[in-house]
């Protein structure tokens, strides 16, 4: 039977360590629990070193997905409402979680909690798994004593964000696939099909038409300069990726996207929905207005709009309400500004923001449907243009060849 080395906390709250024989890690933890110990770390005596590298690799290859984060938050909220002690709560979550990265993070959360750290601070130590919004909501719930209610709102925010992103990905999946296959077909026809026909036409002494000459020019250009083209493409894409990761690059990209017809209004509506839903949750959770603006600036997901929050914060510090600074800022729609103004006057700002969020959810869904409908004909026209171009490049000289034979 395997032997496990453990570190635990005894009934007096003191640290203790030792060995225990068990068939698995779970049984070893159960044995320690029966002894009145709270397991902190349990590892197999033989094989720790041999499996550590593989375990590290598996953890790196299994990031924390949004669905797993939602499930973790739901389980957290349920046990919290049931009155489960916080240490026991994290122990259960650690045992039940299958994702290796999240399991390791929960273990670190448990260890930090046992050392007496605040709940907010232990979550904030893992920014890759828990966003600034997530940690701020935990902090607000911890300070107000209404953590289960705040967790409920947090689940709504994460689920809401996940649904919008999934809808956008689903809408873009079909056109992306079509464009990829269109590019592959264009490359194959240009490099393998057309040149073979051109050799036949040239040997017959035909005068090539313009579409065929264009194809041959592109083919020769690719054949002679493919190294430069490939290197330039890779270098350009790499430079763009690094540039768009910078603050200036993100600001330029998001500003550009919101100026593109059809796509721009969609991005603005999605940002307004995100702003309204998160702001409503923060208001209902008792987060101060300036703190809420700071959180929104970091979680809105749009660098151009985030930059406007700096101006909004400055005006709020001067004693202005929220509606006026929003009106002076860019990108905020009249509906958003008017509803916020009504909410301020009536004292129901969070309710008004929820209404705006629901409205823009519908607008985004409707716009995505219209965009999907518009993309189909555009792709069909593009496909017809490519097929027609290559058909002319091949069949025009073939027609001349046929006439010559006759």
Protein backbone atom coordinates (compact mmCIF):
# COMPACT_ATOMS: atom_id res chain seq x y z
CA UNK A 1 0.00 0.00 0.00
CA UNK A 2 1.37 3.48 -0.88
CA UNK A 3 2.69 5.69 1.90
CA UNK A 4 1.86 9.40 1.96
CA UNK A 5 3.70 12.25 3.64
CA UNK A 6 1.41 14.87 5.09
CA UNK A 7 1.34 18.27 6.71
CA UNK A 8 -1.77 19.09 8.69
CA UNK A 9 -3.27 21.19 11.46
CA UNK A 10 -4.36 19.37 14.62
CA UNK A 11 -7.31 20.09 16.90
CA UNK A 12 -5.27 22.67 18.84
CA UNK A 13 -4.50 24.61 15.67
CA UNK A 14 -0.84 23.56 15.62
CA UNK A 15 1.01 22.29 12.56
CA UNK A 16 1.94 18.63 12.47
CA UNK A 17 3.44 16.25 9.92
CA UNK A 18 3.96 12.54 9.50
CA UNK A 19 3.19 9.51 7.34
CA UNK A 20 0.03 7.60 6.61
CA UNK A 21 -0.64 4.42 4.61
CA UNK A 22 -3.62 4.60 2.24
CA UNK A 23 -4.74 3.36 -1.17
CA UNK A 24 -5.05 6.89 -2.60
CA UNK A 25 -4.60 10.56 -1.75
CA UNK A 26 -8.32 10.93 -1.07
CA UNK A 27 -8.32 8.04 1.41
CA UNK A 28 -5.24 9.50 3.07
CA UNK A 29 -7.06 12.80 3.56
CA UNK A 30 -10.08 10.97 4.94
CA UNK A 31 -7.89 9.12 7.43
CA UNK A 32 -6.38 12.41 8.58
CA UNK A 33 -9.85 13.90 8.86
CA UNK A 34 -10.94 10.98 11.09
CA UNK A 35 -7.97 11.73 13.33
CA UNK A 36 -9.17 15.32 13.71
CA UNK A 37 -6.52 16.76 11.43
CA UNK A 38 -7.06 19.33 8.67
CA UNK A 39 -4.83 18.27 5.75
CA UNK A 40 -2.66 21.00 4.32
CA UNK A 41 -0.46 18.93 2.00
CA UNK A 42 -0.54 15.21 1.20
CA UNK A 43 1.98 13.72 -1.27
CA UNK A 44 3.04 10.17 -2.06
CA UNK A 45 6.38 9.26 -0.52
CA UNK A 46 7.64 7.47 -3.65
CA UNK A 47 7.10 9.07 -7.04
CA UNK A 48 6.86 12.72 -6.03
CA UNK A 49 9.92 13.66 -8.06
CA UNK A 50 9.10 11.39 -11.00
CA UNK A 51 5.61 12.78 -11.47
CA UNK A 52 6.32 16.40 -10.65
CA UNK A 53 7.48 17.36 -14.14
CA UNK A 54 4.51 15.71 -15.82
CA UNK A 55 2.15 17.26 -13.28
CA UNK A 56 3.61 20.70 -13.93
CA UNK A 57 3.18 20.25 -17.68
CA UNK A 58 -0.42 19.08 -17.28
CA UNK A 59 -1.19 22.09 -15.09
CA UNK A 60 0.24 24.42 -17.75
CA UNK A 61 -1.81 22.74 -20.48
CA UNK A 62 -5.10 22.94 -18.54
CA UNK A 63 -6.00 26.62 -18.05
CA UNK A 64 -9.01 27.60 -16.00
CA UNK A 65 -11.95 27.83 -18.42
CA UNK A 66 -14.95 30.09 -17.90
CA UNK A 67 -17.33 27.15 -17.44
CA UNK A 68 -15.13 25.76 -14.68
CA UNK A 69 -14.92 29.17 -13.01
CA UNK A 70 -18.73 29.44 -13.09
CA UNK A 71 -19.07 25.97 -11.56
CA UNK A 72 -16.49 26.80 -8.89
CA UNK A 73 -18.34 30.02 -8.00
CA UNK A 74 -21.70 28.23 -7.83
CA UNK A 75 -20.30 25.56 -5.52
CA UNK A 76 -18.64 28.27 -3.41
CA UNK A 77 -21.93 30.15 -3.07
CA UNK A 78 -23.98 27.04 -2.26
CA UNK A 79 -21.68 25.86 0.54
CA UNK A 80 -21.34 29.40 1.86
CA UNK A 81 -25.13 29.69 2.13
CA UNK A 82 -25.25 26.30 3.86
CA UNK A 83 -22.93 27.57 6.59
CA UNK A 84 -19.96 25.35 5.74
CA UNK A 85 -16.79 26.69 7.46
CA UNK A 86 -14.49 28.43 5.02
CA UNK A 87 -11.56 26.03 5.50
CA UNK A 88 -13.76 22.97 5.04
CA UNK A 89 -15.35 24.69 2.05
CA UNK A 90 -12.02 25.03 0.24
CA UNK A 91 -11.06 21.46 1.13
CA UNK A 92 -14.23 20.16 -0.50
CA UNK A 93 -13.71 22.35 -3.56
CA UNK A 94 -10.12 21.16 -3.90
CA UNK A 95 -11.17 17.51 -3.77
CA UNK A 96 -14.05 17.95 -6.22
CA UNK A 97 -12.25 20.04 -8.84
CA UNK A 98 -10.91 18.07 -11.81
CA UNK A 99 -9.02 20.89 -13.54
CA UNK A 100 -5.41 20.60 -12.36
CA UNK A 101 -4.66 24.32 -12.57
CA UNK A 102 -7.77 25.28 -10.61
CA UNK A 103 -7.13 22.49 -8.08
CA UNK A 104 -3.64 23.85 -7.44
CA UNK A 105 -4.99 27.40 -7.08
CA UNK A 106 -7.65 26.26 -4.60
CA UNK A 107 -4.95 24.49 -2.61
CA UNK A 108 -2.98 27.73 -2.45
CA UNK A 109 -6.13 29.63 -1.45
CA UNK A 110 -6.67 27.14 1.36
CA UNK A 111 -3.10 27.45 2.55
CA UNK A 112 -3.28 31.27 2.57
CA UNK A 113 -6.62 31.26 4.39
CA UNK A 114 -5.18 29.04 7.10
CA UNK A 115 -2.42 31.60 7.57
CA UNK A 116 -5.07 34.20 8.38
CA UNK A 117 -5.20 36.15 5.10
CA UNK A 118 -8.36 37.97 4.03
CA UNK A 119 -10.51 36.23 1.45
CA UNK A 120 -10.18 39.09 -1.05
CA UNK A 121 -6.37 39.16 -0.81
CA UNK A 122 -5.96 35.41 -1.44
CA UNK A 123 -8.10 35.61 -4.59
CA UNK A 124 -6.18 38.68 -5.77
CA UNK A 125 -2.93 36.66 -5.74
CA UNK A 126 -4.18 34.68 -8.77
CA UNK A 127 -5.09 37.29 -11.43
CA UNK A 128 -4.93 34.78 -14.30
CA UNK A 129 -7.83 32.81 -12.81
CA UNK A 130 -9.76 35.54 -10.98
CA UNK A 131 -10.23 38.90 -12.69
CA UNK A 132 -10.07 42.27 -10.96
CA UNK A 133 -13.88 42.39 -11.09
CA UNK A 134 -14.10 38.97 -9.41
CA UNK A 135 -11.74 40.00 -6.59
CA UNK A 136 -13.47 43.36 -6.12
CA UNK A 137 -16.85 41.66 -5.79
CA UNK A 138 -15.40 39.30 -3.20
CA UNK A 139 -14.00 42.30 -1.34
CA UNK A 140 -17.38 44.08 -1.42
CA UNK A 141 -19.21 40.98 -0.17
CA UNK A 142 -16.65 40.38 2.56
CA UNK A 143 -16.90 44.00 3.77
CA UNK A 144 -20.71 44.13 3.68
CA UNK A 145 -21.27 40.70 5.22
CA UNK A 146 -23.44 39.68 2.26
CA UNK A 147 -20.94 37.46 0.45
CA UNK A 148 -23.48 34.79 -0.71
CA UNK A 149 -25.66 37.48 -2.33
CA UNK A 150 -22.64 39.07 -3.98
CA UNK A 151 -21.51 35.67 -5.25
CA UNK A 152 -24.98 35.22 -6.80
CA UNK A 153 -24.55 38.48 -8.71
CA UNK A 154 -21.02 37.48 -9.66
CA UNK A 155 -22.31 34.24 -11.18
CA UNK A 156 -24.75 36.27 -13.26
CA UNK A 157 -21.97 38.58 -14.52
CA UNK A 158 -19.64 35.71 -15.49
CA UNK A 159 -22.45 33.74 -17.17
CA UNK A 160 -23.64 36.87 -18.96
CA UNK A 161 -20.14 37.60 -20.27
CA UNK A 162 -19.66 33.99 -21.34
CA UNK A 163 -22.95 33.96 -23.27
CA UNK A 164 -22.13 37.14 -25.20
CA UNK A 165 -18.65 35.90 -26.12
CA UNK A 166 -20.06 32.51 -27.16
CA UNK A 167 -22.68 34.17 -29.37
CA UNK A 168 -20.04 36.31 -31.08
CA UNK A 169 -17.76 33.30 -31.63
CA UNK A 170 -20.66 31.26 -33.04
CA UNK A 171 -21.59 34.05 -35.43
CA UNK A 172 -18.01 34.41 -36.67
CA UNK A 173 -17.24 30.70 -36.91
CA UNK A 174 -18.96 30.11 -40.27
CA UNK A 175 -17.43 33.09 -42.15
CA UNK A 176 -13.96 32.33 -40.79
CA UNK A 177 -14.16 28.72 -42.00
CA UNK A 178 -15.39 29.83 -45.42
CA UNK A 179 -12.61 32.41 -45.75
CA UNK A 180 -9.94 29.86 -44.78
CA UNK A 181 -11.15 27.34 -47.37
CA UNK A 182 -11.48 30.12 -49.95
CA UNK A 183 -7.85 31.15 -49.41
CA UNK A 184 -6.70 27.51 -49.61
CA UNK A 185 -8.65 26.97 -52.84
CA UNK A 186 -7.22 30.19 -54.32
CA UNK A 187 -3.66 29.10 -53.49
CA UNK A 188 -4.13 25.58 -54.93
CA UNK A 189 -5.70 26.84 -58.17
CA UNK A 190 -3.04 29.54 -58.57
CA UNK A 191 0.00 27.32 -57.95
CA UNK A 192 -1.02 23.87 -59.27
CA UNK A 193 -3.94 24.09 -61.69
CA UNK A 194 -3.56 27.29 -63.76
CA UNK A 195 0.19 26.89 -64.59
CA UNK A 196 -0.41 23.46 -66.18
CA UNK A 197 -3.09 24.87 -68.47
CA UNK A 198 -0.95 27.91 -69.29
CA UNK A 199 1.88 25.67 -70.54
CA UNK A 200 -0.54 24.02 -72.94
CA UNK A 201 -1.81 27.37 -74.17
CA UNK A 202 1.70 28.80 -74.65
CA UNK A 203 2.85 25.69 -76.56
CA UNK A 204 -0.14 26.17 -78.86
CA UNK A 205 0.97 29.76 -79.51
CA UNK A 206 -2.13 31.40 -78.06
CA UNK A 207 -2.26 35.02 -76.97
CA UNK A 208 -3.26 34.79 -73.29
CA UNK A 209 -6.23 36.89 -72.09
CA UNK A 210 -5.91 39.37 -69.21
CA UNK A 211 -7.27 37.06 -66.41
CA UNK A 212 -4.76 34.36 -67.38
CA UNK A 213 -1.89 36.89 -67.47
CA UNK A 214 -2.85 38.11 -63.99
CA UNK A 215 -2.82 34.53 -62.70
CA UNK A 216 0.59 33.89 -64.21
CA UNK A 217 1.96 37.14 -62.78
CA UNK A 218 0.74 36.16 -59.30
CA UNK A 219 2.12 32.64 -59.71
CA UNK A 220 5.55 33.87 -60.80
CA UNK A 221 5.60 36.44 -58.03
CA UNK A 222 4.86 33.72 -55.45
CA UNK A 223 7.40 31.37 -57.01
CA UNK A 224 10.23 33.92 -57.03
CA UNK A 225 9.54 35.76 -53.79
CA UNK A 226 7.77 33.21 -51.59
CA UNK A 227 10.53 33.42 -48.96
CA UNK A 228 10.16 37.19 -48.69
CA UNK A 229 6.35 36.94 -48.69
CA UNK A 230 6.35 34.27 -45.98
CA UNK A 231 8.93 36.07 -43.88
CA UNK A 232 7.17 39.42 -44.27
CA UNK A 233 3.81 37.89 -43.37
CA UNK A 234 5.17 36.19 -40.25
CA UNK A 235 7.08 39.31 -39.21
CA UNK A 236 4.04 41.53 -39.83
CA UNK A 237 1.67 39.30 -37.88
CA UNK A 238 4.16 39.00 -35.01
CA UNK A 239 4.69 42.77 -34.91
CA UNK A 240 0.92 43.37 -34.93
CA UNK A 241 0.39 40.89 -32.08
CA UNK A 242 3.04 42.56 -29.94
CA UNK A 243 1.79 46.04 -30.83
CA UNK A 244 -1.83 45.22 -30.02
CA UNK A 245 -0.73 43.92 -26.64
CA UNK A 246 0.52 47.37 -25.69
CA UNK A 247 -1.81 50.03 -24.26
CA UNK A 248 -1.38 52.23 -27.32
CA UNK A 249 -1.98 49.30 -29.67
CA UNK A 250 -5.16 48.21 -27.90
CA UNK A 251 -6.44 51.78 -27.91
CA UNK A 252 -5.76 52.10 -31.66
CA UNK A 253 -7.38 48.72 -32.46
CA UNK A 254 -10.52 49.28 -30.40
CA UNK A 255 -10.92 52.85 -31.68
CA UNK A 256 -10.60 51.58 -35.25
CA UNK A 257 -13.07 48.73 -34.74
CA UNK A 258 -15.74 51.08 -33.40
CA UNK A 259 -15.46 53.26 -36.53
CA UNK A 260 -16.09 50.39 -38.97
CA UNK A 261 -19.67 50.39 -40.36
CA UNK A 262 -21.93 47.58 -39.07
CA UNK A 263 -19.20 46.13 -36.84
CA UNK A 264 -18.54 49.36 -34.90
CA UNK A 265 -22.10 49.79 -33.54
CA UNK A 266 -22.07 46.13 -32.52
CA UNK A 267 -18.90 46.64 -30.45
CA UNK A 268 -20.38 49.75 -28.83
CA UNK A 269 -23.62 47.96 -27.93
CA UNK A 270 -21.71 45.01 -26.44
CA UNK A 271 -19.59 47.43 -24.37
CA UNK A 272 -22.71 49.29 -23.17
CA UNK A 273 -24.28 46.00 -22.12
CA UNK A 274 -21.13 45.03 -20.23
CA UNK A 275 -20.88 48.47 -18.61
CA UNK A 276 -24.52 48.48 -17.49
CA UNK A 277 -24.56 44.92 -16.13
CA UNK A 278 -21.29 45.26 -14.17
CA UNK A 279 -22.13 48.77 -12.90
CA UNK A 280 -25.54 47.55 -11.71
CA UNK A 281 -23.97 44.66 -9.81
CA UNK A 282 -21.37 46.92 -8.20
CA UNK A 283 -24.03 49.45 -7.18
CA UNK A 284 -26.25 46.75 -5.68
CA UNK A 285 -23.24 45.32 -3.82
CA UNK A 286 -22.46 48.64 -2.14
CA UNK A 287 -19.23 49.42 -3.99
CA UNK A 288 -18.37 53.14 -3.89
CA UNK A 289 -18.95 55.01 -7.17
CA UNK A 290 -15.28 55.92 -7.70
CA UNK A 291 -14.18 52.36 -6.96
CA UNK A 292 -16.86 51.09 -9.36
CA UNK A 293 -15.55 53.36 -12.14
CA UNK A 294 -12.02 52.10 -11.52
CA UNK A 295 -13.20 48.48 -11.68
CA UNK A 296 -15.17 49.20 -14.87
CA UNK A 297 -12.12 50.82 -16.43
CA UNK A 298 -10.16 47.60 -15.92
CA UNK A 299 -12.92 45.17 -16.86
CA UNK A 300 -14.87 46.84 -19.68
CA UNK A 301 -12.68 45.07 -22.24
CA UNK A 302 -12.38 48.10 -24.55
CA UNK A 303 -9.28 50.30 -24.27
CA UNK A 304 -10.91 53.27 -26.03
CA UNK A 305 -13.84 53.34 -23.60
CA UNK A 306 -11.55 52.62 -20.64
CA UNK A 307 -9.64 55.81 -21.44
CA UNK A 308 -12.88 57.78 -21.10
CA UNK A 309 -13.28 56.53 -17.51
CA UNK A 310 -10.27 58.61 -16.48
CA UNK A 311 -12.16 61.76 -17.50
CA UNK A 312 -15.30 60.49 -15.78
CA UNK A 313 -13.40 59.85 -12.52
CA UNK A 314 -11.94 63.37 -12.57
CA UNK A 315 -15.38 64.94 -12.91
CA UNK A 316 -16.83 62.68 -10.21
CA UNK A 317 -14.10 63.80 -7.84
CA UNK A 318 -15.18 67.39 -8.52
CA UNK A 319 -18.65 66.55 -7.18
CA UNK A 320 -20.58 65.94 -10.40
CA UNK A 321 -23.15 63.17 -10.78
CA UNK A 322 -22.54 60.20 -13.04
CA UNK A 323 -24.92 61.20 -15.89
CA UNK A 324 -23.13 64.48 -16.71
CA UNK A 325 -19.63 62.96 -17.06
CA UNK A 326 -21.07 60.13 -19.18
CA UNK A 327 -22.65 62.69 -21.51
CA UNK A 328 -19.33 64.51 -21.88
CA UNK A 329 -17.45 61.27 -22.63
CA UNK A 330 -17.32 59.55 -26.01
CA UNK A 331 -19.10 56.35 -27.06
CA UNK A 332 -21.84 56.40 -24.37
CA UNK A 333 -25.23 56.26 -26.07
CA UNK A 334 -28.19 58.61 -25.38
CA UNK A 335 -30.21 55.70 -23.97
CA UNK A 336 -27.47 54.93 -21.46
CA UNK A 337 -27.08 58.56 -20.40
CA UNK A 338 -30.84 59.18 -20.03
CA UNK A 339 -31.47 55.98 -18.06
CA UNK A 340 -28.56 56.74 -15.73
CA UNK A 341 -29.91 60.28 -15.19
CA UNK A 342 -33.36 58.88 -14.35
CA UNK A 343 -31.82 56.33 -12.00
CA UNK A 344 -29.86 59.03 -10.19
CA UNK A 345 -32.94 61.21 -9.73
CA UNK A 346 -35.18 58.34 -8.58
CA UNK A 347 -32.54 56.59 -6.43
CA UNK A 348 -32.94 53.37 -8.45
CA UNK A 349 -29.72 53.51 -10.43
CA UNK A 350 -29.04 49.77 -10.23
CA UNK A 351 -32.55 48.95 -11.54
CA UNK A 352 -32.19 51.39 -14.43
CA UNK A 353 -28.81 49.92 -15.30
CA UNK A 354 -30.29 46.42 -15.35
CA UNK A 355 -32.95 47.65 -17.77
CA UNK A 356 -30.27 49.14 -20.03
CA UNK A 357 -28.26 45.93 -19.85
CA UNK A 358 -31.28 43.85 -20.88
CA UNK A 359 -32.02 46.27 -23.70
CA UNK A 360 -28.50 46.09 -25.11
CA UNK A 361 -28.41 42.32 -24.69
CA UNK A 362 -31.38 42.18 -27.04
CA UNK A 363 -29.74 44.73 -29.36
CA UNK A 364 -26.50 42.72 -29.53
CA UNK A 365 -28.37 39.48 -30.19
CA UNK A 366 -30.45 41.15 -32.93
CA UNK A 367 -27.38 42.81 -34.48
CA UNK A 368 -25.49 39.50 -34.47
CA UNK A 369 -28.41 37.87 -36.28
CA UNK A 370 -28.47 40.62 -38.90
CA UNK A 371 -24.70 40.42 -39.30
CA UNK A 372 -24.87 36.66 -39.82
CA UNK A 373 -27.56 37.16 -42.46
CA UNK A 374 -25.47 39.81 -44.23
CA UNK A 375 -22.27 37.76 -44.17
CA UNK A 376 -23.83 34.91 -46.17
CA UNK A 377 -24.49 36.90 -49.36
CA UNK A 378 -21.13 38.70 -49.08
CA UNK A 379 -19.28 35.39 -48.85
CA UNK A 380 -21.33 33.99 -51.73
CA UNK A 381 -20.41 36.98 -53.91
CA UNK A 382 -16.74 36.64 -52.94
CA UNK A 383 -16.77 32.92 -53.70
CA UNK A 384 -18.48 33.53 -57.05
CA UNK A 385 -15.90 36.22 -57.90
CA UNK A 386 -12.95 33.90 -57.19
CA UNK A 387 -14.48 30.98 -59.07
CA UNK A 388 -15.44 33.25 -61.98
CA UNK A 389 -11.95 34.75 -62.17
CA UNK A 390 -10.27 31.35 -62.42
CA UNK A 391 -12.93 30.12 -64.83
CA UNK A 392 -12.19 33.03 -67.16
CA UNK A 393 -8.43 32.48 -66.75
CA UNK A 394 -8.78 28.86 -67.91
CA UNK A 395 -11.77 28.74 -70.22
CA UNK A 396 -11.14 31.88 -72.30
CA UNK A 397 -7.83 30.55 -73.74
CA UNK A 398 -9.35 27.07 -73.89
CA UNK A 399 -12.13 28.49 -76.08
CA UNK A 400 -9.51 30.09 -78.31
CA UNK A 401 -7.67 26.77 -78.47
CA UNK A 402 -10.86 25.00 -79.50
CA UNK A 403 -11.52 27.54 -82.24
CA UNK A 404 -7.93 27.13 -83.48
CA UNK A 405 -8.34 23.35 -83.68
CA UNK A 406 -11.57 23.77 -85.65
